[in-house]
All heavy atoms as atom14 arrays in JSON, in Angstrom:
{
  "sequence": "HDDCRVTDHGHDRATELFALLATCVRDPRALTGRHVGRIRQIVGDF",
  "atom14_mask": [
    [1, 1, 1, 1, 1, 1, 1, 1, 1, 1, 0, 0, 0, 0],
    [1, 1, 1, 1, 1, 1, 1, 1, 0, 0, 0, 0, 0, 0],
    [1, 1, 1, 1, 1, 1, 1, 1, 0, 0, 0, 0, 0, 0],
    [1, 1, 1, 1, 1, 1, 0, 0, 0, 0, 0, 0, 0, 0],
    [1, 1, 1, 1, 1, 1, 1, 1, 1, 1, 1, 0, 0, 0],
    [1, 1, 1, 1, 1, 1, 1, 0, 0, 0, 0, 0, 0, 0],
    [1, 1, 1, 1, 1, 1, 1, 0, 0, 0, 0, 0, 0, 0],
    [1, 1, 1, 1, 1, 1, 1, 1, 0, 0, 0, 0, 0, 0],
    [1, 1, 1, 1, 1, 1, 1, 1, 1, 1, 0, 0, 0, 0],
    [1, 1, 1, 1, 0, 0, 0, 0, 0, 0, 0, 0, 0, 0],
    [1, 1, 1, 1, 1, 1, 1, 1, 1, 1, 0, 0, 0, 0],
    [1, 1, 1, 1, 1, 1, 1, 1, 0, 0, 0, 0, 0, 0],
    [1, 1, 1, 1, 1, 1, 1, 1, 1, 1, 1, 0, 0, 0],
    [1, 1, 1, 1, 1, 0, 0, 0, 0, 0, 0, 0, 0, 0],
    [1, 1, 1, 1, 1, 1, 1, 0, 0, 0, 0, 0, 0, 0],
    [1, 1, 1, 1, 1, 1, 1, 1, 1, 0, 0, 0, 0, 0],
    [1, 1, 1, 1, 1, 1, 1, 1, 0, 0, 0, 0, 0, 0],
    [1, 1, 1, 1, 1, 1, 1, 1, 1, 1, 1, 0, 0, 0],
    [1, 1, 1, 1, 1, 0, 0, 0, 0, 0, 0, 0, 0, 0],
    [1, 1, 1, 1, 1, 1, 1, 1, 0, 0, 0, 0, 0, 0],
    [1, 1, 1, 1, 1, 1, 1, 1, 0, 0, 0, 0, 0, 0],
    [1, 1, 1, 1, 1, 0, 0, 0, 0, 0, 0, 0, 0, 0],
    [1, 1, 1, 1, 1, 1, 1, 0, 0, 0, 0, 0, 0, 0],
    [1, 1, 1, 1, 1, 1, 0, 0, 0, 0, 0, 0, 0, 0],
    [1, 1, 1, 1, 1, 1, 1, 0, 0, 0, 0, 0, 0, 0],
    [1, 1, 1, 1, 1, 1, 1, 1, 1, 1, 1, 0, 0, 0],
    [1, 1, 1, 1, 1, 1, 1, 1, 0, 0, 0, 0, 0, 0],
    [1, 1, 1, 1, 1, 1, 1, 0, 0, 0, 0, 0, 0, 0],
    [1, 1, 1, 1, 1, 1, 1, 1, 1, 1, 1, 0, 0, 0],
    [1, 1, 1, 1, 1, 0, 0, 0, 0, 0, 0, 0, 0, 0],
    [1, 1, 1, 1, 1, 1, 1, 1, 0, 0, 0, 0, 0, 0],
    [1, 1, 1, 1, 1, 1, 1, 0, 0, 0, 0, 0, 0, 0],
    [1, 1, 1, 1, 0, 0, 0, 0, 0, 0, 0, 0, 0, 0],
    [1, 1, 1, 1, 1, 1, 1, 1, 1, 1, 1, 0, 0, 0],
    [1, 1, 1, 1, 1, 1, 1, 1, 1, 1, 0, 0, 0, 0],
    [1, 1, 1, 1, 1, 1, 1, 0, 0, 0, 0, 0, 0, 0],
    [1, 1, 1, 1, 0, 0, 0, 0, 0, 0, 0, 0, 0, 0],
    [1, 1, 1, 1, 1, 1, 1, 1, 1, 1, 1, 0, 0, 0],
    [1, 1, 1, 1, 1, 1, 1, 1, 0, 0, 0, 0, 0, 0],
    [1, 1, 1, 1, 1, 1, 1, 1, 1, 1, 1, 0, 0, 0],
    [1, 1, 1, 1, 1, 1, 1, 1, 1, 0, 0, 0, 0, 0],
    [1, 1, 1, 1, 1, 1, 1, 1, 0, 0, 0, 0, 0, 0],
    [1, 1, 1, 1, 1, 1, 1, 0, 0, 0, 0, 0, 0, 0],
    [1, 1, 1, 1, 0, 0, 0, 0, 0, 0, 0, 0, 0, 0],
    [1, 1, 1, 1, 1, 1, 1, 1, 0, 0, 0, 0, 0, 0],
    [1, 1, 1, 1, 1, 1, 1, 1, 1, 1, 1, 0, 0, 0]
  ],
  "atom14_positions": [
    [[-136.47, 148.88, 263.2], [-137.07, 147.81, 262.42], [-136.71, 146.44, 262.98], [-137.52, 145.52, 263.01], [-136.63, 147.91, 260.95], [-137.24, 146.85, 260.07], [-136.6, 145.64, 259.85], [-138.42, 146.8, 259.39], [-137.36, 144.9, 259.06], [-138.46, 145.57, 258.77], [0.0, 0.0, 0.0], [0.0, 0.0, 0.0], [0.0, 0.0, 0.0], [0.0, 0.0, 0.0]],
    [[-135.47, 146.31, 263.47], [-135.0, 145.01, 263.97], [-135.72, 144.6, 265.24], [-135.93, 143.41, 265.49], [-133.49, 145.06, 264.26], [-132.67, 145.12, 262.98], [-133.26, 144.82, 261.91], [-131.49, 145.49, 263.06], [0.0, 0.0, 0.0], [0.0, 0.0, 0.0], [0.0, 0.0, 0.0], [0.0, 0.0, 0.0], [0.0, 0.0, 0.0], [0.0, 0.0, 0.0]],
    [[-136.11, 145.54, 266.07], [-136.77, 145.21, 267.32], [-137.95, 146.14, 267.52], [-137.82, 147.22, 268.06], [-135.8, 145.32, 268.51], [-136.33, 144.55, 269.72], [-137.56, 144.44, 269.86], [-135.51, 144.07, 270.5], [0.0, 0.0, 0.0], [0.0, 0.0, 0.0], [0.0, 0.0, 0.0], [0.0, 0.0, 0.0], [0.0, 0.0, 0.0], [0.0, 0.0, 0.0]],
    [[-139.12, 145.68, 267.06], [-140.31, 146.52, 267.13], [-140.94, 146.46, 268.52], [-141.96, 147.09, 268.77], [-141.34, 146.08, 266.09], [-141.89, 144.36, 266.3], [0.0, 0.0, 0.0], [0.0, 0.0, 0.0], [0.0, 0.0, 0.0], [0.0, 0.0, 0.0], [0.0, 0.0, 0.0], [0.0, 0.0, 0.0], [0.0, 0.0, 0.0], [0.0, 0.0, 0.0]],
    [[-140.34, 145.69, 269.46], [-140.92, 145.59, 270.79], [-140.69, 146.83, 271.62], [-141.3, 147.04, 272.66], [-140.34, 144.37, 271.52], [-140.82, 143.05, 270.95], [-140.03, 141.9, 271.53], [-138.65, 141.94, 271.11], [-137.76, 141.01, 271.4], [-138.12, 139.97, 272.12], [-136.5, 141.1, 270.99], [0.0, 0.0, 0.0], [0.0, 0.0, 0.0], [0.0, 0.0, 0.0]],
    [[-139.75, 147.7, 271.22], [-139.55, 148.95, 271.94], [-140.75, 149.84, 271.65], [-141.03, 150.18, 270.51], [-138.25, 149.65, 271.5], [-138.08, 150.95, 272.25], [-137.06, 148.73, 271.74], [0.0, 0.0, 0.0], [0.0, 0.0, 0.0], [0.0, 0.0, 0.0], [0.0, 0.0, 0.0], [0.0, 0.0, 0.0], [0.0, 0.0, 0.0], [0.0, 0.0, 0.0]],
    [[-141.5, 150.19, 272.67], [-142.77, 150.87, 272.5], [-142.62, 152.38, 272.54], [-141.57, 152.93, 272.85], [-143.75, 150.43, 273.6], [-143.17, 150.72, 274.87], [-144.02, 148.93, 273.51], [0.0, 0.0, 0.0], [0.0, 0.0, 0.0], [0.0, 0.0, 0.0], [0.0, 0.0, 0.0], [0.0, 0.0, 0.0], [0.0, 0.0, 0.0], [0.0, 0.0, 0.0]],
    [[-143.72, 153.05, 272.24], [-143.81, 154.52, 272.32], [-142.76, 155.2, 271.45], [-142.14, 156.18, 271.83], [-143.64, 155.0, 273.77], [-144.81, 154.55, 274.64], [-145.9, 154.36, 274.07], [-144.62, 154.4, 275.84], [0.0, 0.0, 0.0], [0.0, 0.0, 0.0], [0.0, 0.0, 0.0], [0.0, 0.0, 0.0], [0.0, 0.0, 0.0], [0.0, 0.0, 0.0]],
    [[-142.58, 154.66, 270.21], [-141.58, 155.25, 269.33], [-141.85, 156.72, 269.05], [-140.95, 157.51, 268.85], [-141.53, 154.47, 268.01], [-140.95, 153.09, 268.19], [-141.03, 152.13, 267.23], [-140.29, 152.54, 269.24], [-140.44, 151.02, 267.65], [-140.0, 151.24, 268.87], [0.0, 0.0, 0.0], [0.0, 0.0, 0.0], [0.0, 0.0, 0.0], [0.0, 0.0, 0.0]],
    [[-143.14, 157.07, 269.02], [-143.47, 158.44, 268.67], [-143.4, 159.4, 269.84], [-143.65, 160.58, 269.66], [0.0, 0.0, 0.0], [0.0, 0.0, 0.0], [0.0, 0.0, 0.0], [0.0, 0.0, 0.0], [0.0, 0.0, 0.0], [0.0, 0.0, 0.0], [0.0, 0.0, 0.0], [0.0, 0.0, 0.0], [0.0, 0.0, 0.0], [0.0, 0.0, 0.0]],
    [[-143.07, 158.92, 271.02], [-143.12, 159.79, 272.18], [-141.82, 159.88, 272.96], [-141.66, 160.8, 273.75], [-144.25, 159.31, 273.12], [-145.61, 159.32, 272.48], [-146.1, 158.25, 271.79], [-146.55, 160.29, 272.43], [-147.32, 158.54, 271.34], [-147.61, 159.76, 271.71], [0.0, 0.0, 0.0], [0.0, 0.0, 0.0], [0.0, 0.0, 0.0], [0.0, 0.0, 0.0]],
    [[-140.88, 158.95, 272.77], [-139.67, 159.03, 273.55], [-138.7, 160.03, 272.93], [-138.78, 160.35, 271.74], [-139.02, 157.64, 273.69], [-138.53, 157.1, 272.37], [-137.39, 157.42, 272.01], [-139.29, 156.37, 271.71], [0.0, 0.0, 0.0], [0.0, 0.0, 0.0], [0.0, 0.0, 0.0], [0.0, 0.0, 0.0], [0.0, 0.0, 0.0], [0.0, 0.0, 0.0]],
    [[-137.77, 160.5, 273.73], [-136.86, 161.56, 273.29], [-135.92, 161.11, 272.19], [-135.55, 161.9, 271.32], [-136.06, 162.08, 274.48], [-136.83, 163.06, 275.35], [-135.91, 163.83, 276.27], [-136.58, 164.98, 276.81], [-135.95, 165.97, 277.44], [-134.64, 165.92, 277.63], [-136.62, 167.0, 277.91], [0.0, 0.0, 0.0], [0.0, 0.0, 0.0], [0.0, 0.0, 0.0]],
    [[-135.5, 159.86, 272.21], [-134.59, 159.36, 271.18], [-135.25, 159.46, 269.81], [-134.64, 159.96, 268.84], [-134.19, 157.92, 271.47], [0.0, 0.0, 0.0], [0.0, 0.0, 0.0], [0.0, 0.0, 0.0], [0.0, 0.0, 0.0], [0.0, 0.0, 0.0], [0.0, 0.0, 0.0], [0.0, 0.0, 0.0], [0.0, 0.0, 0.0], [0.0, 0.0, 0.0]],
    [[-136.48, 159.01, 269.7], [-137.19, 159.07, 268.42], [-137.38, 160.51, 267.98], [-137.21, 160.85, 266.8], [-138.55, 158.36, 268.55], [-138.34, 157.01, 268.96], [-139.28, 158.37, 267.21], [0.0, 0.0, 0.0], [0.0, 0.0, 0.0], [0.0, 0.0, 0.0], [0.0, 0.0, 0.0], [0.0, 0.0, 0.0], [0.0, 0.0, 0.0], [0.0, 0.0, 0.0]],
    [[-137.75, 161.38, 268.92], [-137.94, 162.8, 268.59], [-136.64, 163.42, 268.12], [-136.61, 164.15, 267.11], [-138.47, 163.53, 269.82], [-138.73, 165.01, 269.57], [-139.2, 165.72, 270.82], [-139.24, 165.1, 271.9], [-139.53, 166.93, 270.72], [0.0, 0.0, 0.0], [0.0, 0.0, 0.0], [0.0, 0.0, 0.0], [0.0, 0.0, 0.0], [0.0, 0.0, 0.0]],
    [[-135.53, 163.13, 268.82], [-134.26, 163.72, 268.44], [-133.8, 163.24, 267.07], [-133.27, 164.03, 266.27], [-133.2, 163.39, 269.49], [-131.86, 164.12, 269.34], [-132.05, 165.62, 269.54], [-130.84, 163.59, 270.33], [0.0, 0.0, 0.0], [0.0, 0.0, 0.0], [0.0, 0.0, 0.0], [0.0, 0.0, 0.0], [0.0, 0.0, 0.0], [0.0, 0.0, 0.0]],
    [[-134.02, 161.96, 266.77], [-133.61, 161.44, 265.47], [-134.48, 161.98, 264.34], [-134.01, 162.15, 263.21], [-133.59, 159.91, 265.48], [-132.29, 159.34, 265.93], [-132.1, 158.93, 267.23], [-131.22, 159.24, 265.03], [-130.88, 158.42, 267.65], [-130.0, 158.73, 265.45], [-129.83, 158.32, 266.76], [0.0, 0.0, 0.0], [0.0, 0.0, 0.0], [0.0, 0.0, 0.0]],
    [[-135.75, 162.25, 264.63], [-136.6, 162.88, 263.62], [-136.07, 164.28, 263.29], [-136.02, 164.69, 262.11], [-138.04, 162.95, 264.12], [0.0, 0.0, 0.0], [0.0, 0.0, 0.0], [0.0, 0.0, 0.0], [0.0, 0.0, 0.0], [0.0, 0.0, 0.0], [0.0, 0.0, 0.0], [0.0, 0.0, 0.0], [0.0, 0.0, 0.0], [0.0, 0.0, 0.0]],
    [[-135.64, 165.01, 264.31], [-135.07, 166.34, 264.08], [-133.73, 166.24, 263.37], [-133.4, 167.08, 262.5], [-134.91, 167.06, 265.42], [-136.22, 167.43, 266.14], [-135.96, 167.85, 267.58], [-136.94, 168.54, 265.37], [0.0, 0.0, 0.0], [0.0, 0.0, 0.0], [0.0, 0.0, 0.0], [0.0, 0.0, 0.0], [0.0, 0.0, 0.0], [0.0, 0.0, 0.0]],
    [[-132.94, 165.22, 263.71], [-131.65, 165.03, 263.04], [-131.87, 164.71, 261.56], [-131.13, 165.22, 260.68], [-130.86, 163.9, 263.72], [-129.46, 163.65, 263.19], [-128.57, 164.88, 263.42], [-128.85, 162.42, 263.88], [0.0, 0.0, 0.0], [0.0, 0.0, 0.0], [0.0, 0.0, 0.0], [0.0, 0.0, 0.0], [0.0, 0.0, 0.0], [0.0, 0.0, 0.0]],
    [[-132.88, 163.89, 261.25], [-133.17, 163.55, 259.86], [-133.58, 164.79, 259.08], [-133.18, 164.98, 257.93], [-134.27, 162.49, 259.81], [0.0, 0.0, 0.0], [0.0, 0.0, 0.0], [0.0, 0.0, 0.0], [0.0, 0.0, 0.0], [0.0, 0.0, 0.0], [0.0, 0.0, 0.0], [0.0, 0.0, 0.0], [0.0, 0.0, 0.0], [0.0, 0.0, 0.0]],
    [[-134.38, 165.66, 259.7], [-134.76, 166.92, 259.05], [-133.54, 167.78, 258.77], [-133.4, 168.39, 257.7], [-135.76, 167.69, 259.93], [-136.92, 166.88, 260.14], [-136.16, 169.0, 259.28], [0.0, 0.0, 0.0], [0.0, 0.0, 0.0], [0.0, 0.0, 0.0], [0.0, 0.0, 0.0], [0.0, 0.0, 0.0], [0.0, 0.0, 0.0], [0.0, 0.0, 0.0]],
    [[-132.64, 167.81, 259.75], [-131.42, 168.6, 259.6], [-130.55, 168.07, 258.46], [-129.9, 168.83, 257.75], [-130.65, 168.58, 260.92], [-129.49, 169.95, 261.12], [0.0, 0.0, 0.0], [0.0, 0.0, 0.0], [0.0, 0.0, 0.0], [0.0, 0.0, 0.0], [0.0, 0.0, 0.0], [0.0, 0.0, 0.0], [0.0, 0.0, 0.0], [0.0, 0.0, 0.0]],
    [[-130.54, 166.75, 258.29], [-129.76, 166.14, 257.2], [-130.36, 166.51, 255.85], [-129.64, 166.86, 254.9], [-129.7, 164.61, 257.39], [-129.15, 163.93, 256.13], [-128.85, 164.24, 258.6], [0.0, 0.0, 0.0], [0.0, 0.0, 0.0], [0.0, 0.0, 0.0], [0.0, 0.0, 0.0], [0.0, 0.0, 0.0], [0.0, 0.0, 0.0], [0.0, 0.0, 0.0]],
    [[-131.7, 166.43, 255.75], [-132.36, 166.72, 254.48], [-132.23, 168.19, 254.1], [-131.82, 168.53, 252.99], [-133.85, 166.34, 254.54], [-134.1, 164.84, 254.58], [-135.58, 164.54, 254.35], [-136.43, 165.21, 255.33], [-136.78, 164.67, 256.49], [-136.34, 163.45, 256.81], [-137.56, 165.32, 257.33], [0.0, 0.0, 0.0], [0.0, 0.0, 0.0], [0.0, 0.0, 0.0]],
    [[-132.57, 169.07, 255.04], [-132.52, 170.5, 254.74], [-132.55, 171.27, 256.05], [-133.63, 171.43, 256.65], [-133.71, 170.91, 253.85], [-133.65, 172.38, 253.46], [-132.65, 173.06, 253.79], [-134.62, 172.85, 252.83], [0.0, 0.0, 0.0], [0.0, 0.0, 0.0], [0.0, 0.0, 0.0], [0.0, 0.0, 0.0], [0.0, 0.0, 0.0], [0.0, 0.0, 0.0]],
    [[-131.42, 171.77, 256.52], [-131.4, 172.5, 257.8], [-132.34, 173.7, 257.81], [-132.82, 174.1, 258.88], [-129.94, 172.92, 257.93], [-129.18, 171.97, 257.07], [-130.08, 171.64, 255.93], [0.0, 0.0, 0.0], [0.0, 0.0, 0.0], [0.0, 0.0, 0.0], [0.0, 0.0, 0.0], [0.0, 0.0, 0.0], [0.0, 0.0, 0.0], [0.0, 0.0, 0.0]],
    [[-132.63, 174.25, 256.61], [-133.5, 175.43, 256.57], [-134.94, 175.08, 256.91], [-135.75, 175.97, 257.21], [-133.44, 176.07, 255.19], [-132.07, 176.67, 254.87], [-131.97, 177.08, 253.44], [-132.14, 175.93, 252.54], [-132.09, 176.0, 251.21], [-131.89, 177.18, 250.62], [-132.24, 174.91, 250.48], [0.0, 0.0, 0.0], [0.0, 0.0, 0.0], [0.0, 0.0, 0.0]],
    [[-135.29, 173.78, 256.89], [-136.65, 173.35, 257.23], [-136.91, 173.38, 258.74], [-138.05, 173.28, 259.18], [-136.91, 171.95, 256.69], [0.0, 0.0, 0.0], [0.0, 0.0, 0.0], [0.0, 0.0, 0.0], [0.0, 0.0, 0.0], [0.0, 0.0, 0.0], [0.0, 0.0, 0.0], [0.0, 0.0, 0.0], [0.0, 0.0, 0.0], [0.0, 0.0, 0.0]],
    [[-135.84, 173.51, 259.52], [-136.01, 173.58, 260.96], [-136.58, 174.93, 261.37], [-136.06, 175.97, 260.99], [-134.67, 173.35, 261.67], [-134.04, 171.96, 261.55], [-132.64, 171.98, 262.13], [-134.89, 170.91, 262.26], [0.0, 0.0, 0.0], [0.0, 0.0, 0.0], [0.0, 0.0, 0.0], [0.0, 0.0, 0.0], [0.0, 0.0, 0.0], [0.0, 0.0, 0.0]],
    [[-137.65, 174.91, 262.17], [-138.22, 176.15, 262.68], [-137.5, 176.54, 263.97], [-136.71, 175.77, 264.53], [-139.71, 175.98, 262.97], [-139.87, 175.03, 264.03], [-140.45, 175.47, 261.74], [0.0, 0.0, 0.0], [0.0, 0.0, 0.0], [0.0, 0.0, 0.0], [0.0, 0.0, 0.0], [0.0, 0.0, 0.0], [0.0, 0.0, 0.0], [0.0, 0.0, 0.0]],
    [[-137.8, 177.75, 264.45], [-137.22, 178.18, 265.71], [-137.64, 177.26, 266.85], [-136.86, 176.99, 267.78], [0.0, 0.0, 0.0], [0.0, 0.0, 0.0], [0.0, 0.0, 0.0], [0.0, 0.0, 0.0], [0.0, 0.0, 0.0], [0.0, 0.0, 0.0], [0.0, 0.0, 0.0], [0.0, 0.0, 0.0], [0.0, 0.0, 0.0], [0.0, 0.0, 0.0]],
    [[-138.86, 176.76, 266.78], [-139.33, 175.83, 267.81], [-138.52, 174.54, 267.76], [-138.18, 173.98, 268.81], [-140.81, 175.53, 267.6], [-141.42, 174.61, 268.64], [-142.92, 174.43, 268.41], [-143.5, 173.53, 269.39], [-143.49, 172.21, 269.29], [-142.91, 171.63, 268.24], [-144.05, 171.46, 270.23], [0.0, 0.0, 0.0], [0.0, 0.0, 0.0], [0.0, 0.0, 0.0]],
    [[-138.22, 174.05, 266.54], [-137.4, 172.83, 266.41], [-136.03, 173.02, 267.03], [-135.54, 172.16, 267.78], [-137.25, 172.46, 264.93], [-138.51, 171.96, 264.31], [-138.78, 172.11, 262.96], [-139.59, 171.33, 264.84], [-139.96, 171.58, 262.69], [-140.47, 171.1, 263.82], [0.0, 0.0, 0.0], [0.0, 0.0, 0.0], [0.0, 0.0, 0.0], [0.0, 0.0, 0.0]],
    [[-135.4, 174.15, 266.72], [-134.05, 174.4, 267.25], [-134.08, 174.52, 268.78], [-133.19, 174.02, 269.47], [-133.45, 175.66, 266.61], [-132.1, 176.01, 267.24], [-133.28, 175.47, 265.09], [0.0, 0.0, 0.0], [0.0, 0.0, 0.0], [0.0, 0.0, 0.0], [0.0, 0.0, 0.0], [0.0, 0.0, 0.0], [0.0, 0.0, 0.0], [0.0, 0.0, 0.0]],
    [[-135.12, 175.18, 269.28], [-135.26, 175.29, 270.73], [-135.44, 173.93, 271.39], [-134.91, 173.69, 272.48], [0.0, 0.0, 0.0], [0.0, 0.0, 0.0], [0.0, 0.0, 0.0], [0.0, 0.0, 0.0], [0.0, 0.0, 0.0], [0.0, 0.0, 0.0], [0.0, 0.0, 0.0], [0.0, 0.0, 0.0], [0.0, 0.0, 0.0], [0.0, 0.0, 0.0]],
    [[-136.19, 173.06, 270.72], [-136.4, 171.73, 271.27], [-135.09, 170.92, 271.27], [-134.79, 170.22, 272.24], [-137.47, 171.0, 270.47], [-137.8, 169.6, 270.99], [-138.28, 169.62, 272.41], [-138.68, 168.3, 272.87], [-138.75, 167.93, 274.13], [-138.46, 168.8, 275.09], [-139.11, 166.71, 274.47], [0.0, 0.0, 0.0], [0.0, 0.0, 0.0], [0.0, 0.0, 0.0]],
    [[-134.32, 171.02, 270.2], [-133.01, 170.35, 270.15], [-132.13, 170.85, 271.27], [-131.46, 170.08, 271.97], [-132.35, 170.6, 268.78], [-133.14, 169.91, 267.66], [-130.89, 170.13, 268.79], [-132.7, 170.31, 266.26], [0.0, 0.0, 0.0], [0.0, 0.0, 0.0], [0.0, 0.0, 0.0], [0.0, 0.0, 0.0], [0.0, 0.0, 0.0], [0.0, 0.0, 0.0]],
    [[-132.11, 172.17, 271.47], [-131.3, 172.75, 272.54], [-131.71, 172.23, 273.91], [-130.87, 171.96, 274.76], [-131.45, 174.27, 272.49], [-130.56, 175.04, 273.47], [-130.67, 176.51, 273.16], [-129.79, 177.32, 274.01], [-130.21, 178.05, 275.04], [-131.51, 178.05, 275.36], [-129.36, 178.76, 275.74], [0.0, 0.0, 0.0], [0.0, 0.0, 0.0], [0.0, 0.0, 0.0]],
    [[-133.03, 172.06, 274.12], [-133.51, 171.57, 275.41], [-133.1, 170.12, 275.63], [-132.6, 169.75, 276.7], [-135.04, 171.68, 275.48], [-135.61, 171.17, 276.8], [-137.13, 171.2, 276.81], [-137.78, 171.54, 275.82], [-137.72, 170.85, 277.95], [0.0, 0.0, 0.0], [0.0, 0.0, 0.0], [0.0, 0.0, 0.0], [0.0, 0.0, 0.0], [0.0, 0.0, 0.0]],
    [[-133.28, 169.26, 274.61], [-132.96, 167.83, 274.75], [-131.46, 167.66, 274.98], [-131.02, 166.92, 275.88], [-133.42, 167.04, 273.51], [-134.95, 167.05, 273.42], [-132.89, 165.62, 273.56], [-135.5, 166.4, 272.16], [0.0, 0.0, 0.0], [0.0, 0.0, 0.0], [0.0, 0.0, 0.0], [0.0, 0.0, 0.0], [0.0, 0.0, 0.0], [0.0, 0.0, 0.0]],
    [[-130.63, 168.35, 274.18], [-129.18, 168.22, 274.31], [-128.73, 168.78, 275.65], [-127.89, 168.19, 276.34], [-128.47, 168.94, 273.15], [-126.97, 168.98, 273.37], [-128.79, 168.23, 271.83], [0.0, 0.0, 0.0], [0.0, 0.0, 0.0], [0.0, 0.0, 0.0], [0.0, 0.0, 0.0], [0.0, 0.0, 0.0], [0.0, 0.0, 0.0], [0.0, 0.0, 0.0]],
    [[-129.29, 169.92, 276.06], [-128.91, 170.52, 277.33], [-129.25, 169.63, 278.51], [-128.45, 169.47, 279.44], [0.0, 0.0, 0.0], [0.0, 0.0, 0.0], [0.0, 0.0, 0.0], [0.0, 0.0, 0.0], [0.0, 0.0, 0.0], [0.0, 0.0, 0.0], [0.0, 0.0, 0.0], [0.0, 0.0, 0.0], [0.0, 0.0, 0.0], [0.0, 0.0, 0.0]],
    [[-130.45, 169.02, 278.48], [-130.85, 168.11, 279.55], [-129.89, 166.92, 279.64], [-129.51, 166.48, 280.73], [-132.27, 167.61, 279.33], [-133.31, 168.7, 279.56], [-132.96, 169.75, 280.14], [-134.48, 168.5, 279.15], [0.0, 0.0, 0.0], [0.0, 0.0, 0.0], [0.0, 0.0, 0.0], [0.0, 0.0, 0.0], [0.0, 0.0, 0.0], [0.0, 0.0, 0.0]],
    [[-129.51, 166.41, 278.47], [-128.6, 165.26, 278.45], [-127.24, 165.62, 279.05], [-126.7, 164.89, 279.89], [-128.42, 164.77, 277.01], [-127.5, 163.59, 276.88], [-128.01, 162.3, 276.81], [-126.12, 163.75, 276.82], [-127.17, 161.2, 276.69], [-125.27, 162.67, 276.71], [-125.8, 161.39, 276.65], [0.0, 0.0, 0.0], [0.0, 0.0, 0.0], [0.0, 0.0, 0.0]]
  ]
}
């Protein structure tokens, strides 16, 4: 919110990872197998 000049919020890995983290905070059971696999890929690449 403080700096809206950072573009492609919906496509960069940081935004994607934080969306998954927010889901995990609300209800970990809402994560699908695809979500968990994607988290594993992003964390592993890092």
